[in-house]
Amino acid sequence: HISICVHDDRGPESNDPFGGSSSNLNMNLYATKKTAAEGMLDIALFLANITHMKTVIEQGAGYRYYAAVLTLISFSLALQIVAGILIIVIARRDLNDEANHKRLDSLNNSATVVIFLVFVTNVFISVFGMERTGLFNPLAY
């Protein structure tokens, strides 16, 4: 085990956005900020899906892909809840404790897979959710 000591001559008044000097980056603070940003994006997508679900329900069963879109949105919402729980669990763990590294890596990989599934599901929701409005129909010319 080799330790390297780096001297930072910028002083304590340096304006580092991560809360410390470049040689003393607080990984917990960095990871917590990253996880919080990820959580906020998850909440934004969650609210967008709820709004989309409300619109589909208001259109009623006469909507061409009613059941498919409702099922996909419900699946996406459930995955987003799982991702949110994973994000909270990850954020509460201490990254500086080496005993947590293996578990955090596993949780982070799981969250990545769940978020990828949310992405793929939302691509399908977007494809099925497109309705022709007649405002721009290139075949009508």
N, C-alpha and C. Protein backbone atom coordinates (compact mmCIF):
# COMPACT_ATOMS: atom_id res chain seq x y z
N HIS A 1 0.85 -1.18 0.00
CA HIS A 1 0.00 0.00 0.00
C HIS A 1 0.89 1.24 0.00
N ILE A 2 0.76 2.09 -1.00
CA ILE A 2 1.58 3.29 -1.13
C ILE A 2 0.70 4.51 -0.98
N SER A 3 1.14 5.45 -0.15
CA SER A 3 0.42 6.70 0.03
C SER A 3 1.16 7.81 -0.68
N ILE A 4 0.40 8.66 -1.38
CA ILE A 4 0.99 9.80 -2.05
C ILE A 4 0.40 11.05 -1.43
N CYS A 5 1.27 11.95 -1.00
CA CYS A 5 0.83 13.20 -0.40
C CYS A 5 1.01 14.31 -1.42
N VAL A 6 -0.06 15.03 -1.71
CA VAL A 6 0.01 16.13 -2.67
C VAL A 6 -0.21 17.42 -1.91
N HIS A 7 0.69 18.37 -2.12
CA HIS A 7 0.58 19.66 -1.44
C HIS A 7 -0.21 20.62 -2.33
N ASP A 8 -1.22 21.24 -1.77
CA ASP A 8 -2.05 22.22 -2.48
C ASP A 8 -1.75 23.58 -1.92
N ASP A 9 -1.11 24.43 -2.73
CA ASP A 9 -0.72 25.73 -2.23
C ASP A 9 -1.74 26.82 -2.55
N ARG A 10 -2.96 26.44 -2.93
CA ARG A 10 -3.98 27.45 -3.20
C ARG A 10 -4.58 28.00 -1.92
N GLY A 11 -4.46 27.28 -0.86
CA GLY A 11 -4.97 27.76 0.43
C GLY A 11 -6.43 27.42 0.63
N PRO A 12 -6.92 27.61 1.87
CA PRO A 12 -8.30 27.24 2.18
C PRO A 12 -9.33 28.15 1.52
N GLU A 13 -8.88 29.30 0.98
CA GLU A 13 -9.84 30.21 0.38
C GLU A 13 -10.13 29.86 -1.08
N SER A 14 -9.57 28.75 -1.59
CA SER A 14 -9.81 28.39 -2.99
C SER A 14 -11.29 28.13 -3.20
N ASN A 15 -11.74 28.45 -4.37
CA ASN A 15 -13.17 28.36 -4.68
C ASN A 15 -13.44 27.08 -5.47
N ASP A 16 -13.37 25.93 -4.81
CA ASP A 16 -13.59 24.65 -5.47
C ASP A 16 -15.07 24.29 -5.40
N PRO A 17 -15.70 24.00 -6.54
CA PRO A 17 -17.13 23.70 -6.55
C PRO A 17 -17.51 22.41 -5.85
N PHE A 18 -16.54 21.52 -5.56
CA PHE A 18 -16.86 20.25 -4.93
C PHE A 18 -16.71 20.27 -3.42
N GLY A 19 -16.38 21.40 -2.85
CA GLY A 19 -16.32 21.51 -1.40
C GLY A 19 -14.96 21.20 -0.81
N GLY A 20 -13.90 21.16 -1.59
CA GLY A 20 -12.57 20.89 -1.08
C GLY A 20 -11.55 21.20 -2.14
N SER A 21 -10.29 21.00 -1.82
CA SER A 21 -9.25 21.23 -2.81
C SER A 21 -9.24 20.07 -3.79
N SER A 22 -8.54 20.27 -4.91
CA SER A 22 -8.51 19.22 -5.92
C SER A 22 -7.83 17.96 -5.40
N SER A 23 -6.90 18.10 -4.45
CA SER A 23 -6.23 16.93 -3.91
C SER A 23 -7.03 16.26 -2.80
N ASN A 24 -8.05 16.90 -2.33
CA ASN A 24 -8.84 16.38 -1.24
C ASN A 24 -10.32 16.39 -1.62
N LEU A 25 -10.64 15.80 -2.78
CA LEU A 25 -12.02 15.77 -3.27
C LEU A 25 -12.86 14.91 -2.34
N ASN A 26 -13.93 15.47 -1.85
CA ASN A 26 -14.85 14.73 -0.99
C ASN A 26 -15.75 13.89 -1.89
N MET A 27 -15.40 12.61 -2.03
CA MET A 27 -16.15 11.72 -2.93
C MET A 27 -17.59 11.53 -2.49
N ASN A 28 -17.84 11.56 -1.17
CA ASN A 28 -19.22 11.43 -0.70
C ASN A 28 -20.06 12.60 -1.18
N LEU A 29 -19.52 13.82 -1.07
CA LEU A 29 -20.25 15.00 -1.50
C LEU A 29 -20.49 14.96 -3.00
N TYR A 30 -19.47 14.60 -3.76
CA TYR A 30 -19.59 14.50 -5.22
C TYR A 30 -20.65 13.47 -5.60
N ALA A 31 -20.58 12.28 -5.01
CA ALA A 31 -21.53 11.21 -5.33
C ALA A 31 -22.94 11.58 -4.90
N THR A 32 -23.07 12.26 -3.78
CA THR A 32 -24.39 12.67 -3.31
C THR A 32 -25.01 13.69 -4.25
N LYS A 33 -24.20 14.64 -4.73
CA LYS A 33 -24.73 15.63 -5.69
C LYS A 33 -25.13 14.95 -6.99
N LYS A 34 -24.32 14.03 -7.46
CA LYS A 34 -24.63 13.29 -8.69
C LYS A 34 -25.91 12.48 -8.52
N THR A 35 -26.05 11.83 -7.40
CA THR A 35 -27.23 11.02 -7.13
C THR A 35 -28.48 11.89 -6.99
N ALA A 36 -28.33 13.05 -6.36
CA ALA A 36 -29.47 13.97 -6.22
C ALA A 36 -29.93 14.46 -7.59
N ALA A 37 -28.99 14.78 -8.47
CA ALA A 37 -29.35 15.22 -9.82
C ALA A 37 -30.06 14.11 -10.58
N GLU A 38 -29.57 12.89 -10.43
CA GLU A 38 -30.20 11.73 -11.07
C GLU A 38 -31.63 11.54 -10.53
N GLY A 39 -31.79 11.73 -9.24
CA GLY A 39 -33.11 11.60 -8.63
C GLY A 39 -34.08 12.66 -9.13
N MET A 40 -33.58 13.89 -9.31
CA MET A 40 -34.45 14.95 -9.83
C MET A 40 -34.90 14.67 -11.25
N LEU A 41 -34.01 14.12 -12.07
CA LEU A 41 -34.39 13.75 -13.43
C LEU A 41 -35.42 12.62 -13.41
N ASP A 42 -35.25 11.68 -12.49
CA ASP A 42 -36.20 10.59 -12.35
C ASP A 42 -37.58 11.12 -11.96
N ILE A 43 -37.62 12.09 -11.06
CA ILE A 43 -38.89 12.69 -10.64
C ILE A 43 -39.54 13.42 -11.82
N ALA A 44 -38.75 14.14 -12.61
CA ALA A 44 -39.29 14.86 -13.76
C ALA A 44 -39.92 13.88 -14.76
N LEU A 45 -39.24 12.78 -15.04
CA LEU A 45 -39.78 11.78 -15.96
C LEU A 45 -41.01 11.11 -15.36
N PHE A 46 -40.99 10.87 -14.06
CA PHE A 46 -42.14 10.28 -13.37
C PHE A 46 -43.38 11.17 -13.55
N LEU A 47 -43.20 12.47 -13.32
CA LEU A 47 -44.33 13.40 -13.47
C LEU A 47 -44.80 13.49 -14.92
N ALA A 48 -43.87 13.45 -15.87
CA ALA A 48 -44.24 13.46 -17.29
C ALA A 48 -45.05 12.22 -17.64
N ASN A 49 -44.65 11.06 -17.10
CA ASN A 49 -45.40 9.83 -17.37
C ASN A 49 -46.79 9.87 -16.74
N ILE A 50 -46.91 10.44 -15.56
CA ILE A 50 -48.23 10.56 -14.94
C ILE A 50 -49.13 11.46 -15.79
N THR A 51 -48.57 12.56 -16.30
CA THR A 51 -49.34 13.45 -17.16
C THR A 51 -49.76 12.74 -18.44
N HIS A 52 -48.84 11.97 -19.02
CA HIS A 52 -49.16 11.21 -20.23
C HIS A 52 -50.24 10.17 -19.94
N MET A 53 -50.15 9.51 -18.79
CA MET A 53 -51.16 8.52 -18.42
C MET A 53 -52.53 9.18 -18.27
N LYS A 54 -52.56 10.34 -17.66
CA LYS A 54 -53.82 11.08 -17.49
C LYS A 54 -54.42 11.41 -18.85
N THR A 55 -53.59 11.83 -19.79
CA THR A 55 -54.07 12.16 -21.14
C THR A 55 -54.64 10.93 -21.83
N VAL A 56 -53.96 9.79 -21.73
CA VAL A 56 -54.43 8.56 -22.36
C VAL A 56 -55.75 8.12 -21.74
N ILE A 57 -55.86 8.21 -20.42
CA ILE A 57 -57.11 7.83 -19.74
C ILE A 57 -58.25 8.75 -20.16
N GLU A 58 -57.97 10.04 -20.31
CA GLU A 58 -59.00 10.99 -20.74
C GLU A 58 -59.46 10.71 -22.17
N GLN A 59 -58.56 10.21 -23.03
CA GLN A 59 -58.94 9.86 -24.39
C GLN A 59 -59.84 8.64 -24.42
N GLY A 60 -59.72 7.80 -23.42
CA GLY A 60 -60.61 6.65 -23.28
C GLY A 60 -60.16 5.44 -24.08
N ALA A 61 -60.96 4.39 -23.96
CA ALA A 61 -60.64 3.10 -24.58
C ALA A 61 -60.72 3.16 -26.10
N GLY A 62 -61.29 4.22 -26.65
CA GLY A 62 -61.35 4.37 -28.10
C GLY A 62 -59.99 4.69 -28.70
N TYR A 63 -59.04 5.06 -27.88
CA TYR A 63 -57.69 5.35 -28.33
C TYR A 63 -57.07 4.06 -28.86
N ARG A 64 -56.44 4.12 -30.01
CA ARG A 64 -55.96 2.94 -30.73
C ARG A 64 -55.06 2.03 -29.89
N TYR A 65 -54.12 2.59 -29.17
CA TYR A 65 -53.17 1.79 -28.38
C TYR A 65 -53.41 1.98 -26.89
N TYR A 66 -54.63 2.13 -26.50
CA TYR A 66 -55.00 2.43 -25.11
C TYR A 66 -54.35 1.45 -24.12
N ALA A 67 -54.63 0.16 -24.29
CA ALA A 67 -54.13 -0.85 -23.34
C ALA A 67 -52.61 -0.92 -23.36
N ALA A 68 -52.02 -0.88 -24.55
CA ALA A 68 -50.56 -0.99 -24.66
C ALA A 68 -49.87 0.19 -23.99
N VAL A 69 -50.35 1.40 -24.26
CA VAL A 69 -49.71 2.58 -23.68
C VAL A 69 -49.91 2.62 -22.17
N LEU A 70 -51.11 2.29 -21.70
CA LEU A 70 -51.34 2.27 -20.25
C LEU A 70 -50.45 1.24 -19.56
N THR A 71 -50.30 0.08 -20.18
CA THR A 71 -49.43 -0.96 -19.61
C THR A 71 -47.98 -0.49 -19.58
N LEU A 72 -47.51 0.09 -20.68
CA LEU A 72 -46.12 0.57 -20.74
C LEU A 72 -45.88 1.69 -19.74
N ILE A 73 -46.82 2.62 -19.63
CA ILE A 73 -46.64 3.71 -18.67
C ILE A 73 -46.63 3.17 -17.24
N SER A 74 -47.52 2.24 -16.94
CA SER A 74 -47.56 1.64 -15.60
C SER A 74 -46.25 0.93 -15.30
N PHE A 75 -45.72 0.19 -16.27
CA PHE A 75 -44.45 -0.51 -16.11
C PHE A 75 -43.31 0.50 -15.89
N SER A 76 -43.32 1.57 -16.66
CA SER A 76 -42.30 2.61 -16.52
C SER A 76 -42.37 3.26 -15.14
N LEU A 77 -43.58 3.56 -14.68
CA LEU A 77 -43.74 4.17 -13.35
C LEU A 77 -43.23 3.23 -12.26
N ALA A 78 -43.54 1.94 -12.38
CA ALA A 78 -43.06 0.97 -11.39
C ALA A 78 -41.53 0.90 -11.39
N LEU A 79 -40.93 0.88 -12.59
CA LEU A 79 -39.47 0.87 -12.68
C LEU A 79 -38.87 2.15 -12.09
N GLN A 80 -39.54 3.28 -12.31
CA GLN A 80 -39.03 4.54 -11.78
C GLN A 80 -39.08 4.57 -10.25
N ILE A 81 -40.09 3.93 -9.68
CA ILE A 81 -40.17 3.83 -8.22
C ILE A 81 -39.00 2.98 -7.71
N VAL A 82 -38.72 1.87 -8.39
CA VAL A 82 -37.59 1.02 -8.01
C VAL A 82 -36.28 1.81 -8.14
N ALA A 83 -36.12 2.54 -9.24
CA ALA A 83 -34.91 3.35 -9.44
C ALA A 83 -34.79 4.41 -8.34
N GLY A 84 -35.89 5.03 -7.98
CA GLY A 84 -35.87 6.03 -6.92
C GLY A 84 -35.43 5.45 -5.59
N ILE A 85 -35.93 4.26 -5.27
CA ILE A 85 -35.53 3.59 -4.03
C ILE A 85 -34.04 3.26 -4.07
N LEU A 86 -33.57 2.75 -5.22
CA LEU A 86 -32.14 2.45 -5.35
C LEU A 86 -31.30 3.71 -5.19
N ILE A 87 -31.75 4.81 -5.77
CA ILE A 87 -31.01 6.08 -5.68
C ILE A 87 -30.93 6.54 -4.22
N ILE A 88 -32.03 6.40 -3.49
CA ILE A 88 -32.03 6.80 -2.07
C ILE A 88 -31.07 5.92 -1.27
N VAL A 89 -31.11 4.61 -1.51
CA VAL A 89 -30.23 3.69 -0.79
C VAL A 89 -28.76 4.02 -1.11
N ILE A 90 -28.46 4.28 -2.39
CA ILE A 90 -27.09 4.61 -2.78
C ILE A 90 -26.63 5.90 -2.10
N ALA A 91 -27.50 6.89 -2.08
CA ALA A 91 -27.14 8.20 -1.52
C ALA A 91 -26.87 8.12 -0.02
N ARG A 92 -27.48 7.18 0.66
CA ARG A 92 -27.33 7.09 2.11
C ARG A 92 -26.09 6.31 2.54
N ARG A 93 -25.42 5.66 1.61
CA ARG A 93 -24.22 4.88 1.94
C ARG A 93 -22.98 5.76 1.92
N ASP A 94 -22.00 5.43 2.75
CA ASP A 94 -20.75 6.18 2.83
C ASP A 94 -19.77 5.64 1.80
N LEU A 95 -19.46 6.46 0.80
CA LEU A 95 -18.55 6.06 -0.26
C LEU A 95 -17.11 5.93 0.23
N ASN A 96 -16.76 6.66 1.27
CA ASN A 96 -15.39 6.63 1.79
C ASN A 96 -15.09 5.35 2.56
N ASP A 97 -16.11 4.62 2.98
CA ASP A 97 -15.91 3.37 3.71
C ASP A 97 -15.71 2.24 2.69
N GLU A 98 -14.51 1.68 2.68
CA GLU A 98 -14.19 0.65 1.68
C GLU A 98 -15.07 -0.59 1.81
N ALA A 99 -15.61 -0.82 2.98
CA ALA A 99 -16.50 -1.97 3.16
C ALA A 99 -17.77 -1.84 2.33
N ASN A 100 -18.14 -0.59 1.97
CA ASN A 100 -19.36 -0.35 1.19
C ASN A 100 -19.12 -0.39 -0.32
N HIS A 101 -17.88 -0.40 -0.77
CA HIS A 101 -17.58 -0.27 -2.20
C HIS A 101 -18.23 -1.36 -3.05
N LYS A 102 -18.11 -2.60 -2.64
CA LYS A 102 -18.68 -3.71 -3.43
C LYS A 102 -20.20 -3.59 -3.50
N ARG A 103 -20.82 -3.31 -2.38
CA ARG A 103 -22.28 -3.17 -2.34
C ARG A 103 -22.74 -1.96 -3.15
N LEU A 104 -22.02 -0.84 -3.03
CA LEU A 104 -22.36 0.36 -3.80
C LEU A 104 -22.20 0.12 -5.30
N ASP A 105 -21.18 -0.60 -5.69
CA ASP A 105 -20.98 -0.91 -7.10
C ASP A 105 -22.14 -1.75 -7.62
N SER A 106 -22.54 -2.73 -6.85
CA SER A 106 -23.67 -3.58 -7.22
C SER A 106 -24.97 -2.77 -7.33
N LEU A 107 -25.22 -1.91 -6.33
CA LEU A 107 -26.42 -1.08 -6.35
C LEU A 107 -26.40 -0.10 -7.52
N ASN A 108 -25.23 0.46 -7.80
CA ASN A 108 -25.11 1.40 -8.91
C ASN A 108 -25.36 0.70 -10.24
N ASN A 109 -24.84 -0.51 -10.40
CA ASN A 109 -25.10 -1.29 -11.61
C ASN A 109 -26.57 -1.61 -11.76
N SER A 110 -27.21 -1.98 -10.65
CA SER A 110 -28.65 -2.27 -10.68
C SER A 110 -29.45 -1.04 -11.07
N ALA A 111 -29.10 0.10 -10.50
CA ALA A 111 -29.79 1.35 -10.83
C ALA A 111 -29.62 1.69 -12.30
N THR A 112 -28.42 1.46 -12.83
CA THR A 112 -28.16 1.74 -14.25
C THR A 112 -29.02 0.86 -15.14
N VAL A 113 -29.14 -0.41 -14.81
CA VAL A 113 -29.98 -1.33 -15.59
C VAL A 113 -31.45 -0.90 -15.52
N VAL A 114 -31.93 -0.57 -14.34
CA VAL A 114 -33.33 -0.16 -14.18
C VAL A 114 -33.60 1.13 -14.96
N ILE A 115 -32.67 2.08 -14.90
CA ILE A 115 -32.85 3.34 -15.61
C ILE A 115 -32.80 3.11 -17.13
N PHE A 116 -31.96 2.19 -17.59
CA PHE A 116 -31.95 1.84 -19.01
C PHE A 116 -33.29 1.24 -19.43
N LEU A 117 -33.86 0.37 -18.59
CA LEU A 117 -35.17 -0.21 -18.90
C LEU A 117 -36.26 0.86 -18.93
N VAL A 118 -36.16 1.84 -18.05
CA VAL A 118 -37.10 2.97 -18.08
C VAL A 118 -36.96 3.71 -19.41
N PHE A 119 -35.73 3.94 -19.83
CA PHE A 119 -35.48 4.62 -21.10
C PHE A 119 -36.11 3.86 -22.27
N VAL A 120 -35.84 2.56 -22.35
CA VAL A 120 -36.38 1.75 -23.45
C VAL A 120 -37.90 1.75 -23.41
N THR A 121 -38.47 1.59 -22.23
CA THR A 121 -39.93 1.60 -22.09
C THR A 121 -40.50 2.93 -22.56
N ASN A 122 -39.85 4.04 -22.22
CA ASN A 122 -40.35 5.35 -22.63
C ASN A 122 -40.19 5.60 -24.12
N VAL A 123 -39.22 4.96 -24.75
CA VAL A 123 -39.12 5.03 -26.21
C VAL A 123 -40.36 4.38 -26.82
N PHE A 124 -40.75 3.21 -26.31
CA PHE A 124 -41.95 2.54 -26.82
C PHE A 124 -43.21 3.35 -26.52
N ILE A 125 -43.27 3.96 -25.37
CA ILE A 125 -44.42 4.81 -25.03
C ILE A 125 -44.52 5.95 -26.05
N SER A 126 -43.40 6.55 -26.38
CA SER A 126 -43.39 7.65 -27.35
C SER A 126 -43.83 7.18 -28.72
N VAL A 127 -43.39 6.00 -29.13
CA VAL A 127 -43.77 5.48 -30.45
C VAL A 127 -45.26 5.19 -30.51
N PHE A 128 -45.79 4.53 -29.49
CA PHE A 128 -47.22 4.22 -29.48
C PHE A 128 -48.07 5.44 -29.20
N GLY A 129 -47.50 6.43 -28.53
CA GLY A 129 -48.27 7.60 -28.14
C GLY A 129 -48.44 8.63 -29.23
N MET A 130 -47.77 8.43 -30.38
CA MET A 130 -47.89 9.40 -31.46
C MET A 130 -49.20 9.20 -32.22
N GLU A 131 -49.97 10.23 -32.28
CA GLU A 131 -51.23 10.21 -33.02
C GLU A 131 -51.12 11.17 -34.19
N ARG A 132 -51.70 10.83 -35.29
CA ARG A 132 -51.73 11.77 -36.41
C ARG A 132 -52.75 12.85 -36.11
N THR A 133 -52.29 14.07 -36.20
CA THR A 133 -53.19 15.19 -35.93
C THR A 133 -53.71 15.80 -37.21
N GLY A 134 -53.07 15.51 -38.33
CA GLY A 134 -53.48 16.10 -39.60
C GLY A 134 -52.85 17.45 -39.85
N LEU A 135 -52.15 17.99 -38.85
CA LEU A 135 -51.52 19.30 -39.02
C LEU A 135 -50.33 19.23 -39.96
N PHE A 136 -49.62 18.12 -39.93
CA PHE A 136 -48.47 17.96 -40.81
C PHE A 136 -48.46 16.52 -41.30
N ASN A 137 -49.15 16.29 -42.38
CA ASN A 137 -49.22 14.95 -42.93
C ASN A 137 -48.64 14.99 -44.34
N PRO A 138 -47.38 14.57 -44.52
CA PRO A 138 -46.75 14.69 -45.83
C PRO A 138 -47.43 13.85 -46.90
N LEU A 139 -48.19 12.82 -46.55
CA LEU A 139 -48.87 11.99 -47.55
C LEU A 139 -50.14 12.65 -48.07
N ALA A 140 -50.57 13.72 -47.46
CA ALA A 140 -51.82 14.37 -47.87
C ALA A 140 -51.64 15.24 -49.10
N TYR A 141 -50.43 15.48 -49.54
CA TYR A 141 -50.21 16.38 -50.68
C TYR A 141 -50.37 15.70 -52.00
